[in-house]
Protein backbone atom coordinates (compact mmCIF):
# COMPACT_ATOMS: atom_id res chain seq x y z
CA MET A 1 4.87 -1.92 -13.24
CA PRO A 2 7.19 1.11 -13.61
CA LEU A 3 8.01 3.26 -10.61
CA GLU A 4 6.28 6.64 -10.69
CA LEU A 5 8.88 9.32 -10.07
CA PRO A 6 7.75 12.44 -8.19
CA ASN A 7 7.62 15.66 -10.18
CA LEU A 8 9.89 18.10 -8.33
CA ASP A 9 9.66 20.79 -11.00
CA ASP A 10 6.07 21.64 -10.13
CA ARG A 11 6.29 25.46 -9.79
CA THR A 12 6.86 28.01 -12.51
CA TYR A 13 8.60 31.37 -12.35
CA GLU A 14 5.25 33.14 -12.01
CA ASP A 15 4.23 30.81 -9.14
CA LEU A 16 7.43 31.58 -7.23
CA VAL A 17 7.07 35.35 -7.66
CA ALA A 18 3.40 35.27 -6.60
CA GLU A 19 4.19 33.17 -3.51
CA ALA A 20 6.99 35.53 -2.48
CA LEU A 21 4.69 38.55 -2.80
CA ARG A 22 2.09 36.85 -0.59
CA LEU A 23 4.69 36.28 2.13
CA ILE A 24 5.92 39.89 2.26
CA PRO A 25 3.27 41.09 4.79
CA ASN A 26 4.22 38.27 7.17
CA TYR A 27 7.93 39.07 7.27
CA ALA A 28 8.04 42.81 6.42
CA PRO A 29 4.72 44.54 7.18
CA GLU A 30 6.26 47.98 6.55
CA TRP A 31 7.04 47.04 2.94
CA THR A 32 4.06 48.28 0.91
CA ASN A 33 5.53 49.21 -2.48
CA TYR A 34 5.23 46.19 -4.77
CA ASN A 35 5.93 48.00 -8.07
CA PRO A 36 8.39 46.28 -10.46
CA SER A 37 10.69 49.32 -10.14
CA ASP A 38 11.18 48.63 -6.42
CA PRO A 39 14.67 47.12 -5.75
CA GLY A 40 13.17 44.49 -3.45
CA ILE A 41 10.81 43.30 -6.18
CA THR A 42 13.78 43.07 -8.55
CA LEU A 43 15.60 40.81 -6.06
CA ILE A 44 12.50 38.63 -5.68
CA GLU A 45 12.31 38.17 -9.45
CA MET A 46 16.01 37.30 -9.63
CA PHE A 47 15.72 34.68 -6.84
CA ALA A 48 12.61 33.24 -8.49
CA TYR A 49 14.56 32.86 -11.73
CA LEU A 50 17.42 31.06 -9.94
CA THR A 51 15.00 28.85 -7.97
CA GLU A 52 13.23 27.81 -11.15
CA MET A 53 16.56 26.66 -12.64
CA LEU A 54 17.38 24.71 -9.46
CA LEU A 55 14.01 22.96 -9.54
CA TYR A 56 14.57 22.00 -13.17
CA ARG A 57 17.99 20.52 -12.37
CA GLN A 58 16.70 18.77 -9.27
CA ASN A 59 13.96 17.08 -11.30
CA ARG A 60 16.47 15.58 -13.75
CA ILE A 61 18.28 12.24 -13.35
CA THR A 62 21.89 13.04 -14.11
CA ASP A 63 24.60 10.70 -15.36
CA ASP A 64 26.18 10.72 -11.92
CA ASN A 65 22.91 9.49 -10.42
CA LEU A 66 22.68 6.71 -12.99
CA ARG A 67 26.21 5.56 -12.22
CA THR A 68 25.38 5.59 -8.50
CA PHE A 69 22.28 3.46 -9.06
CA LEU A 70 24.29 0.96 -11.11
CA ARG A 71 26.89 0.66 -8.37
CA LEU A 72 24.14 -0.05 -5.84
CA LEU A 73 22.67 -2.75 -8.07
CA ASN A 74 25.89 -4.50 -9.05
CA GLY A 75 28.13 -4.11 -6.03
CA PRO A 76 31.27 -2.06 -5.39
CA ASP A 77 33.58 -4.24 -7.55
CA TRP A 78 31.56 -3.89 -10.77
CA VAL A 79 33.17 -1.87 -13.55
CA ALA A 80 31.14 -0.72 -16.52
CA GLU A 81 32.42 -1.96 -19.85
CA GLN A 82 32.18 0.22 -22.89
CA ASN A 83 30.85 -0.59 -26.35
CA GLN A 84 28.12 -2.95 -25.06
CA ASP A 85 24.77 -2.42 -26.73
CA LEU A 86 22.01 -3.41 -24.31
CA GLY A 87 19.19 -1.70 -26.15
CA GLN A 88 17.56 -4.90 -27.42
CA GLU A 89 17.86 -6.70 -24.06
CA ILE A 90 16.33 -3.77 -22.17
CA GLN A 91 13.53 -3.49 -24.68
CA ASP A 92 12.71 -7.21 -24.40
CA ALA A 93 12.71 -7.06 -20.59
CA VAL A 94 10.31 -4.12 -20.53
CA LEU A 95 7.96 -5.62 -23.11
CA ASN A 96 7.88 -9.06 -21.48
CA LEU A 97 7.33 -7.71 -17.97
CA ARG A 98 3.63 -7.24 -18.68
CA ASP A 99 3.22 -10.46 -20.61
CA GLU A 100 -0.16 -12.10 -19.96
CA TYR A 101 1.59 -15.18 -18.56
CA ARG A 102 3.93 -13.28 -16.25
CA ALA A 103 3.05 -12.97 -12.55
CA VAL A 104 3.98 -9.53 -11.24
CA THR A 105 0.96 -8.07 -9.44
CA ALA A 106 -1.56 -9.71 -7.12
CA GLU A 107 -4.13 -9.75 -9.93
CA ASP A 108 -1.70 -11.70 -12.11
CA TYR A 109 -1.42 -14.48 -9.53
CA GLU A 110 -5.21 -14.73 -9.21
CA THR A 111 -5.66 -14.87 -12.99
CA LEU A 112 -2.92 -17.42 -13.61
CA SER A 113 -4.14 -19.62 -10.73
CA GLN A 114 -7.33 -20.29 -12.66
CA GLU A 115 -5.60 -21.03 -15.96
CA LYS A 116 -5.63 -24.65 -17.12
CA PHE A 117 -2.31 -26.43 -16.86
CA ASN A 118 -1.23 -30.05 -17.33
CA ILE A 119 -0.19 -32.42 -14.54
CA TRP A 120 1.66 -35.68 -15.23
CA LEU A 121 -0.06 -38.73 -13.78
CA VAL A 122 2.68 -41.14 -14.88
CA GLN A 123 5.77 -40.02 -16.76
CA MET A 124 5.98 -42.20 -19.88
CA GLN A 125 9.47 -43.33 -20.85
CA GLN A 126 10.16 -45.10 -24.14
CA GLU A 127 12.60 -48.00 -23.94
CA GLU A 128 15.37 -48.10 -26.50
CA LYS A 129 14.73 -50.52 -29.37
CA ALA A 130 17.10 -53.38 -30.15
CA ASP A 131 18.84 -53.40 -33.48
CA LYS A 132 17.53 -56.85 -34.43
CA LEU A 133 15.19 -59.38 -32.82
CA LEU A 134 15.44 -63.11 -33.39
CA GLU A 135 11.88 -64.38 -33.54
CA LYS A 136 12.83 -68.06 -32.99
CA SER A 137 14.78 -67.34 -29.83
CA LEU A 138 12.00 -65.27 -28.32
CA LYS A 139 9.25 -67.76 -29.17
CA ASP A 140 6.02 -66.83 -27.35
CA ARG A 141 7.67 -64.16 -25.26
CA CYS A 142 7.51 -61.71 -28.15
CA LYS A 143 4.24 -59.79 -28.44
CA GLU A 144 3.29 -57.66 -31.38
CA TRP A 145 2.54 -53.96 -30.76
CA TRP A 146 1.10 -51.68 -33.42
CA ASP A 147 2.32 -48.12 -33.90
CA THR A 148 -0.10 -45.68 -32.30
CA THR A 149 -0.27 -42.15 -30.94
CA ASN A 150 -0.38 -41.21 -27.25
CA LEU A 151 -3.67 -41.90 -25.51
CA GLU A 152 -5.86 -38.82 -25.62
CA VAL A 153 -7.13 -38.01 -22.13
CA LYS A 154 -9.98 -35.58 -21.93
CA GLU A 155 -10.37 -33.26 -18.95
CA GLU A 156 -13.47 -34.99 -17.63
CA ASN A 157 -11.68 -38.38 -17.66
CA LEU A 158 -8.88 -37.32 -15.31
CA PRO A 159 -8.99 -38.64 -11.73
CA SER A 160 -10.63 -36.26 -9.32
CA LYS A 161 -7.43 -35.74 -7.33
CA VAL A 162 -5.73 -34.33 -10.41
CA SER A 163 -8.54 -32.65 -12.29
CA GLN A 164 -9.74 -30.79 -9.20
CA LYS A 165 -10.86 -27.45 -10.58
CA ILE A 166 -10.11 -24.14 -8.93
CA LYS A 167 -13.31 -22.24 -8.27
CA ARG A 168 -11.73 -19.09 -6.84
CA ALA A 169 -8.25 -17.72 -6.26
CA TYR A 170 -7.13 -14.82 -4.09
CA CYS A 171 -3.64 -13.35 -3.80
CA VAL A 172 -2.34 -11.94 -0.51
CA PRO A 173 0.94 -10.02 -1.01
CA GLN A 174 3.54 -9.72 1.75
CA ARG A 175 2.01 -12.53 3.81
CA TYR A 176 3.21 -16.10 4.40
CA LEU A 177 0.02 -18.12 4.83
CA GLY A 178 1.93 -21.39 4.77
CA ALA A 179 3.31 -20.72 8.25
CA GLY A 180 2.50 -23.14 11.04
CA ARG A 181 1.36 -20.62 13.66
CA GLU A 182 -1.63 -18.36 13.14
CA GLU A 183 0.26 -15.33 14.51
CA GLU A 184 2.85 -15.69 11.74
CA LYS A 185 0.16 -15.79 9.06
CA LYS A 186 -1.11 -12.36 10.14
CA GLN A 187 2.33 -10.70 10.11
CA SER A 188 3.69 -8.75 7.16
CA LYS A 189 6.40 -10.67 5.28
CA PRO A 190 8.30 -8.75 2.57
CA ASN A 191 8.99 -10.67 -0.67
CA TYR A 192 6.30 -13.25 0.18
CA VAL A 193 3.22 -13.87 -1.95
CA SER A 194 0.48 -16.26 -0.81
CA VAL A 195 -2.17 -17.57 -3.19
CA LEU A 196 -5.40 -18.89 -1.66
CA ILE A 197 -7.30 -21.34 -3.83
CA LEU A 198 -10.83 -22.61 -3.28
CA PRO A 199 -11.44 -25.80 -5.30
CA ASP A 200 -14.75 -27.25 -6.34
CA LYS A 201 -16.52 -29.45 -3.84
CA ASP A 202 -15.47 -33.09 -3.87
CA SER A 203 -16.37 -36.28 -2.06
CA ASP A 204 -13.25 -36.25 0.13
CA SER A 205 -14.60 -33.68 2.56
CA ALA A 206 -15.48 -35.79 5.59
CA ASN A 207 -15.19 -33.84 8.84
CA GLN A 208 -14.32 -30.75 6.81
CA LEU A 209 -16.23 -27.49 6.76
CA GLY A 210 -15.43 -26.93 3.09
CA PRO A 211 -13.31 -28.17 0.18
CA GLN A 212 -9.52 -28.10 0.41
CA PRO A 213 -7.07 -28.36 -2.51
CA THR A 214 -5.15 -31.61 -2.78
CA THR A 215 -1.39 -31.69 -2.25
CA LEU A 216 -0.95 -32.56 -5.92
CA LEU A 217 -2.93 -29.52 -7.01
CA ARG A 218 -1.09 -27.16 -4.65
CA ASP A 219 2.34 -28.38 -5.74
CA ALA A 220 1.47 -28.24 -9.43
CA LEU A 221 0.02 -24.74 -9.17
CA GLN A 222 2.99 -23.51 -7.15
CA GLY A 223 5.40 -24.80 -9.78
CA TYR A 224 3.31 -23.25 -12.54
CA LEU A 225 3.25 -19.83 -10.85
CA GLN A 226 6.87 -19.95 -9.68
CA GLN A 227 8.08 -20.15 -13.28
CA ARG A 228 6.22 -16.93 -14.02
CA SER A 229 7.09 -15.02 -10.85
CA ILE A 230 9.75 -12.42 -10.26
CA LEU A 231 13.04 -13.99 -9.22
CA THR A 232 12.99 -12.84 -5.57
CA THR A 233 9.36 -13.85 -4.92
CA ARG A 234 8.77 -16.46 -2.22
CA LEU A 235 5.52 -18.15 -3.18
CA SER A 236 3.06 -20.16 -1.10
CA VAL A 237 -0.13 -21.85 -2.35
CA VAL A 238 -2.62 -22.82 0.38
CA GLY A 239 -6.28 -23.59 0.92
CA PRO A 240 -8.67 -21.48 3.01
CA THR A 241 -9.26 -21.64 6.75
CA TYR A 242 -12.94 -22.08 7.55
CA THR A 243 -14.62 -20.22 10.39
CA PRO A 244 -17.95 -21.64 11.60
CA ILE A 245 -20.46 -18.93 12.43
CA SER A 246 -23.69 -19.39 14.32
CA VAL A 247 -26.23 -16.75 15.29
CA GLU A 248 -28.36 -16.31 18.40
CA ILE A 249 -31.51 -14.54 17.29
CA LEU A 250 -34.50 -13.13 19.17
CA VAL A 251 -37.34 -12.33 16.77
CA ALA A 252 -40.70 -10.63 17.15
CA ARG A 253 -43.12 -12.04 14.57
CA ARG A 254 -46.47 -10.87 13.35
CA SER A 255 -49.48 -12.61 14.83
CA ASP A 256 -50.76 -13.76 11.42
CA VAL A 257 -47.61 -15.76 10.58
CA LEU A 258 -46.59 -19.19 11.84
CA THR A 259 -43.39 -19.58 13.83
CA GLU A 260 -42.23 -22.41 11.55
CA THR A 261 -42.54 -20.18 8.48
CA VAL A 262 -40.34 -17.51 10.06
CA SER A 263 -37.71 -19.98 11.30
CA ASN A 264 -37.42 -21.68 7.91
CA GLY A 265 -36.98 -18.31 6.25
CA ILE A 266 -34.22 -17.37 8.70
CA VAL A 267 -32.31 -20.64 8.16
CA LYS A 268 -32.51 -20.34 4.38
CA ALA A 269 -31.42 -16.70 4.38
CA MET A 270 -28.40 -17.38 6.62
CA GLN A 271 -27.32 -20.35 4.49
CA GLN A 272 -27.28 -18.16 1.41
CA PHE A 273 -25.60 -15.29 3.24
CA LEU A 274 -22.74 -17.24 4.88
CA ASP A 275 -21.76 -19.11 1.73
CA PRO A 276 -17.98 -19.71 1.56
CA GLU A 277 -18.07 -20.19 -2.21
CA ASN A 278 -19.27 -16.62 -2.75
CA TRP A 279 -17.96 -14.82 0.34
CA PRO A 280 -15.08 -12.42 -0.47
CA PHE A 281 -11.79 -13.33 1.19
CA GLY A 282 -10.93 -10.98 4.05
CA ARG A 283 -14.43 -9.47 4.44
CA ASP A 284 -15.76 -9.21 8.00
CA VAL A 285 -19.25 -10.31 9.04
CA HIS A 286 -21.29 -7.52 10.66
CA VAL A 287 -24.39 -7.77 12.83
CA SER A 288 -25.95 -4.87 10.92
CA GLU A 289 -25.90 -6.98 7.75
CA VAL A 290 -27.77 -9.78 9.52
CA TYR A 291 -30.38 -7.30 10.75
CA GLU A 292 -30.84 -5.94 7.23
CA LEU A 293 -31.07 -9.45 5.78
CA LEU A 294 -33.56 -10.92 8.24
CA GLU A 295 -35.86 -7.92 8.46
CA LYS A 296 -36.78 -8.55 4.81
CA ILE A 297 -38.22 -11.98 5.65
CA ASP A 298 -41.98 -12.09 5.45
CA GLY A 299 -43.58 -12.40 8.87
CA ILE A 300 -40.84 -10.75 10.95
CA ASP A 301 -42.07 -7.65 12.74
CA TYR A 302 -38.66 -6.67 14.16
CA LEU A 303 -35.49 -8.19 15.62
CA THR A 304 -34.55 -7.44 19.20
CA ASP A 305 -31.25 -9.28 19.64
CA VAL A 306 -28.69 -10.77 17.21
CA LEU A 307 -25.36 -12.21 18.38
CA LEU A 308 -22.73 -13.70 16.05
CA VAL A 309 -20.81 -16.61 17.58
CA SER A 310 -17.74 -18.43 16.22
CA GLU A 311 -16.87 -21.84 17.72
CA CYS A 312 -15.10 -24.91 16.32
CA GLN A 313 -16.10 -28.47 17.14
CA PRO A 314 -13.47 -31.13 17.98
CA GLU A 315 -14.15 -33.03 14.75
CA ASP A 316 -13.71 -29.99 12.50
CA GLN A 317 -10.67 -29.85 10.23
CA HIS A 318 -9.05 -26.69 8.86
CA CYS A 319 -11.23 -24.75 11.31
CA LEU A 320 -10.39 -21.72 13.41
CA ALA A 321 -12.68 -19.58 15.56
CA THR A 322 -12.26 -15.90 14.87
CA ASP A 323 -12.24 -12.68 16.91
CA THR A 324 -15.21 -10.53 17.86
CA ILE A 325 -15.50 -6.89 16.78
CA TRP A 326 -16.71 -4.58 19.57
CA ASN A 327 -17.99 -1.01 19.55
CA ASP A 328 -17.34 1.69 22.15
CA GLN A 329 -20.47 0.73 24.12
CA GLY A 330 -19.11 -2.78 24.75
CA GLU A 331 -21.48 -4.47 22.30
CA PRO A 332 -20.36 -7.14 19.80
CA ILE A 333 -21.01 -5.80 16.30
CA GLY A 334 -19.37 -8.45 14.13
CA LEU A 335 -16.72 -11.10 13.56
CA ARG A 336 -13.26 -10.47 12.14
CA LEU A 337 -12.41 -12.53 9.06
CA TYR A 338 -8.77 -12.31 8.05
CA ASP A 339 -7.54 -12.67 4.48
CA HIS A 340 -7.40 -16.48 4.58
CA TYR A 341 -10.73 -16.98 6.40
CA LEU A 342 -14.05 -18.04 4.89
CA PRO A 343 -17.32 -18.27 6.88
CA VAL A 344 -19.43 -21.42 7.20
CA ASN A 345 -23.02 -21.31 8.40
CA ARG A 346 -23.62 -23.23 11.65
CA LEU A 347 -27.04 -21.82 12.56
CA LYS A 348 -29.36 -24.23 14.37
CA LEU A 349 -33.09 -23.94 14.93
CA SER A 350 -32.46 -24.17 18.68
CA GLN A 351 -30.62 -20.82 18.51
CA ILE A 352 -33.69 -18.97 17.22
CA VAL A 353 -36.28 -17.62 19.65
CA ILE A 354 -39.47 -16.45 17.95
CA ALA A 355 -42.31 -14.84 19.86
CA PRO A 356 -45.34 -12.75 18.90
CA SER A 357 -44.68 -9.04 19.10
CA ALA A 358 -47.29 -8.68 21.86
CA ASN A 359 -45.37 -11.15 24.05
CA LEU A 360 -42.09 -9.22 24.09
CA LEU A 361 -41.61 -6.93 27.07
CA ALA A 362 -38.93 -4.24 26.76
CA VAL A 363 -36.81 -3.90 29.92
CA GLN A 364 -34.29 -1.09 30.37
CA LEU A 365 -31.33 -1.99 32.60
CA THR A 366 -28.87 0.73 33.64
CA ILE A 367 -25.72 -0.30 35.51
CA LYS A 368 -23.04 1.99 36.92
CA VAL A 369 -19.82 0.57 38.36
CA ARG A 370 -16.46 1.82 39.55
CA ALA A 371 -13.49 -0.06 38.15
CA ALA A 372 -10.69 -1.43 40.27
CA SER A 373 -7.22 -0.01 39.91
CA GLY A 374 -5.53 -1.23 36.73
CA ALA A 375 -8.69 -2.67 35.19
CA ASN A 376 -9.31 -2.32 31.46
CA LEU A 377 -12.49 -0.24 31.17
CA ASP A 378 -13.44 -1.50 27.71
CA LEU A 379 -13.04 -5.16 28.65
CA LEU A 380 -14.95 -4.57 31.86
CA LYS A 381 -17.88 -3.03 30.01
CA ARG A 382 -17.98 -5.98 27.57
CA GLU A 383 -17.98 -8.53 30.39
CA ILE A 384 -20.80 -6.77 32.26
CA LYS A 385 -22.99 -6.68 29.17
CA SER A 386 -22.27 -10.32 28.35
CA GLN A 387 -23.14 -11.49 31.87
CA THR A 388 -26.38 -9.53 32.09
CA ARG A 389 -27.45 -10.66 28.62
CA ALA A 390 -26.90 -14.32 29.53
CA PHE A 391 -28.85 -13.83 32.79
CA PHE A 392 -31.99 -12.58 31.02
CA HIS A 393 -31.82 -14.24 27.58
CA PRO A 394 -34.33 -17.07 26.92
CA LEU A 395 -31.63 -19.21 25.25
CA TYR A 396 -29.60 -19.42 28.46
CA PRO A 397 -30.41 -21.64 31.47
CA THR A 398 -31.39 -18.95 33.99
CA ILE A 399 -34.95 -18.43 32.77
CA HIS A 400 -35.45 -22.16 32.15
CA GLU A 401 -34.43 -23.02 35.70
CA LEU A 402 -37.03 -20.65 37.11
CA ASN A 403 -39.73 -21.37 34.58
CA PRO A 404 -39.06 -24.70 32.81
CA LEU A 405 -42.59 -25.03 31.43
CA GLY A 406 -43.10 -21.35 30.67
CA VAL A 407 -46.27 -21.15 32.77
CA THR A 408 -44.97 -19.17 35.75
CA ASP A 409 -44.78 -15.43 36.28
CA ILE A 410 -41.34 -13.98 37.07
CA LYS A 411 -40.37 -11.12 39.34
CA ILE A 412 -37.30 -8.97 38.60
CA GLU A 413 -35.88 -6.74 41.32
CA VAL A 414 -32.66 -5.13 42.52
CA THR A 415 -31.62 -5.88 46.10
CA ASP A 416 -29.17 -3.79 48.13
CA ASN A 417 -28.45 -1.77 45.00
CA GLN A 418 -25.92 -4.49 44.12
CA THR A 419 -27.70 -7.64 43.03
CA ILE A 420 -30.22 -8.48 40.30
CA LYS A 421 -32.72 -11.09 41.48
CA LEU A 422 -35.13 -13.21 39.43
CA SER A 423 -37.91 -15.03 41.28
CA SER A 424 -40.65 -17.34 40.08
CA LEU A 425 -44.07 -16.36 41.44
CA GLN A 426 -47.15 -18.27 42.43
CA LEU A 427 -50.47 -16.52 42.87
CA VAL A 428 -52.09 -17.59 46.17
CA ASP A 429 -55.17 -15.80 47.53
CA SER A 430 -54.62 -12.84 45.19
CA GLN A 431 -51.05 -12.49 46.42
CA TYR A 432 -47.76 -13.42 44.78
CA LEU A 433 -45.48 -15.81 46.65
CA GLU A 434 -41.87 -16.38 45.64
CA THR A 435 -41.14 -20.08 45.10
CA ASN A 436 -37.64 -20.03 43.60
CA SER A 437 -35.03 -17.39 42.87
CA LEU A 438 -31.65 -16.77 41.21
CA GLU A 439 -29.29 -13.85 41.75
CA LEU A 440 -26.64 -12.05 39.71
CA ASN A 441 -24.00 -10.17 41.71
CA LEU A 442 -21.63 -8.60 39.20
CA ALA A 443 -19.00 -7.61 41.76
CA THR A 444 -18.48 -11.22 42.83
CA ILE A 445 -18.23 -12.83 39.39
CA ILE A 446 -16.38 -10.17 37.38
CA THR A 447 -12.80 -9.34 38.24
CA GLY A 448 -12.09 -5.65 37.93
CA ILE A 449 -15.21 -4.21 39.58
CA ALA A 450 -14.37 -2.30 42.73
CA GLN A 451 -17.97 -1.30 43.45
CA VAL A 452 -21.40 -1.45 41.83
CA THR A 453 -22.68 2.07 42.42
CA SER A 454 -26.21 1.65 41.06
CA ILE A 455 -28.54 -0.70 39.15
CA GLN A 456 -31.86 0.56 37.80
CA LEU A 457 -34.69 -1.36 36.13
CA SER A 458 -37.54 0.23 34.20
CA SER A 459 -40.40 -1.07 32.11
CA ASP A 460 -44.05 -0.55 31.30
CA ARG A 461 -44.72 -3.33 33.82
CA SER A 462 -43.03 -1.66 36.81
CA GLN A 463 -44.73 -2.36 40.14
CA GLU A 464 -44.78 -0.47 43.40
CA GLY A 465 -41.42 -0.92 45.08
CA GLY A 466 -39.50 -0.82 41.80
CA TRP A 467 -39.77 -4.48 40.80
CA LEU A 468 -40.94 -5.78 37.43
CA LEU A 469 -43.50 -8.45 36.62
CA ILE A 470 -42.93 -10.77 33.64
CA LYS A 471 -46.07 -12.76 32.92
CA ALA A 472 -46.06 -16.38 31.79
CA GLY A 473 -45.32 -16.68 28.07
CA GLU A 474 -43.64 -13.29 27.82
CA VAL A 475 -40.05 -12.86 26.62
CA ILE A 476 -37.69 -10.22 28.00
CA ASP A 477 -36.35 -7.76 25.44
CA LEU A 478 -33.35 -6.42 27.35
CA ARG A 479 -31.89 -2.98 26.61
CA SER A 480 -28.78 -2.49 28.74
CA LEU A 481 -26.71 0.62 29.38
CA VAL A 482 -23.41 0.22 31.24
CA GLU A 483 -21.32 3.07 32.64
CA VAL A 484 -17.84 2.26 33.92
CA ASN A 485 -15.95 4.91 35.88
CA SER A 486 -12.23 4.89 36.53
CA ALA A 487 -10.80 3.89 39.87
CA ILE A 488 -10.40 6.61 42.49
CA THR A 489 -6.72 7.48 42.88
CA GLY A 490 -4.85 9.43 45.51
């Protein structure tokens, strides 16, 4: 594409005169006579005339500039020869630059990657014929071959390793995605162009999260594109990196809908949502999108907690866990998918907690801490929220240890203004007795907390003394607010 030159001659004579008149009060407030007969106005008009000529000359590319550009392109020892007509060569170069089979822009690489091109399975070589054959000397060793044309091979008859079709292609300019280390793939690399190709699914995908292009396909496509690339382009053709994504979901359902119906709807919706074949390269996954998607499922009253998790299993190939996106309140709001990442759904039924709306009890938890010297306040806030969420969430072992069968009431209280305590209760003679308990002391498990200044619990089920009662069968809907103050200095 041609370079767009800036227009330096963008002001007319009238514009220059008008601008000068507007500036007079700033520099000479006592000057109030702006009539054309005033000598100062005459000088302004003269300077505007000269400035307009300078702008016109500045906007032109002179012969001296052209000679300077040529010297930069060809080196200091190059001498221009006269009487050489390059008009036809220049015209051909300009016209062919935007040829439909020329790769210049990122869109060109994506388009050409999905063009059909031939790949040799076996290079056929014709042996030279002898001038004369003696039939008697050859006896039975001579076989008769009839003249025929080359075998016609249709596309559907090609072996799968060669005829592997490209479903999608995506070009990433100034990136080298063929690098060995992940840090290098994310760095800007001038003159590099990487083409990501997603082939159709095949049978050779054992222990893989998704299809990968064969080496034969990558090499053939790279050679095909390299012939159509600009001379200085360094090209790399690679397959995608798959990122498994699972979701921890806490759902409040309507009482007239079965739990199985809701869970099946969630699994189906997430499979369609996190589809690598249709997911745009480089597009992040946001929690808000999951909320919007699942709230449309019939039977869901509302969602109380959604957490996106990215983890690779040891048997996964071409897999890489991705980074979490956090907001200012220390809450995870999504997963970062880089240009060469594609998501794969790993949601399991065991990660979905579904309870009737009447069985969810909202609990407000407010925590204030003072950070230690040198601690990162944002990281500290994230760690506090993660620890408290795991302590109360029904998917994590804390609640199951206290109430494995789900038939015991639970007491929540704050002791010494420092520790959150969960206790299982047993009703004996109209009185609650604590039978087992677990504690969460943030200052002892999180590095960076100098002091926990206050912890407050509130709910519709608050009892005298400030503790909360969670009845058997109820699920805690935790709403946490964390305030982290800087360390005291001096």
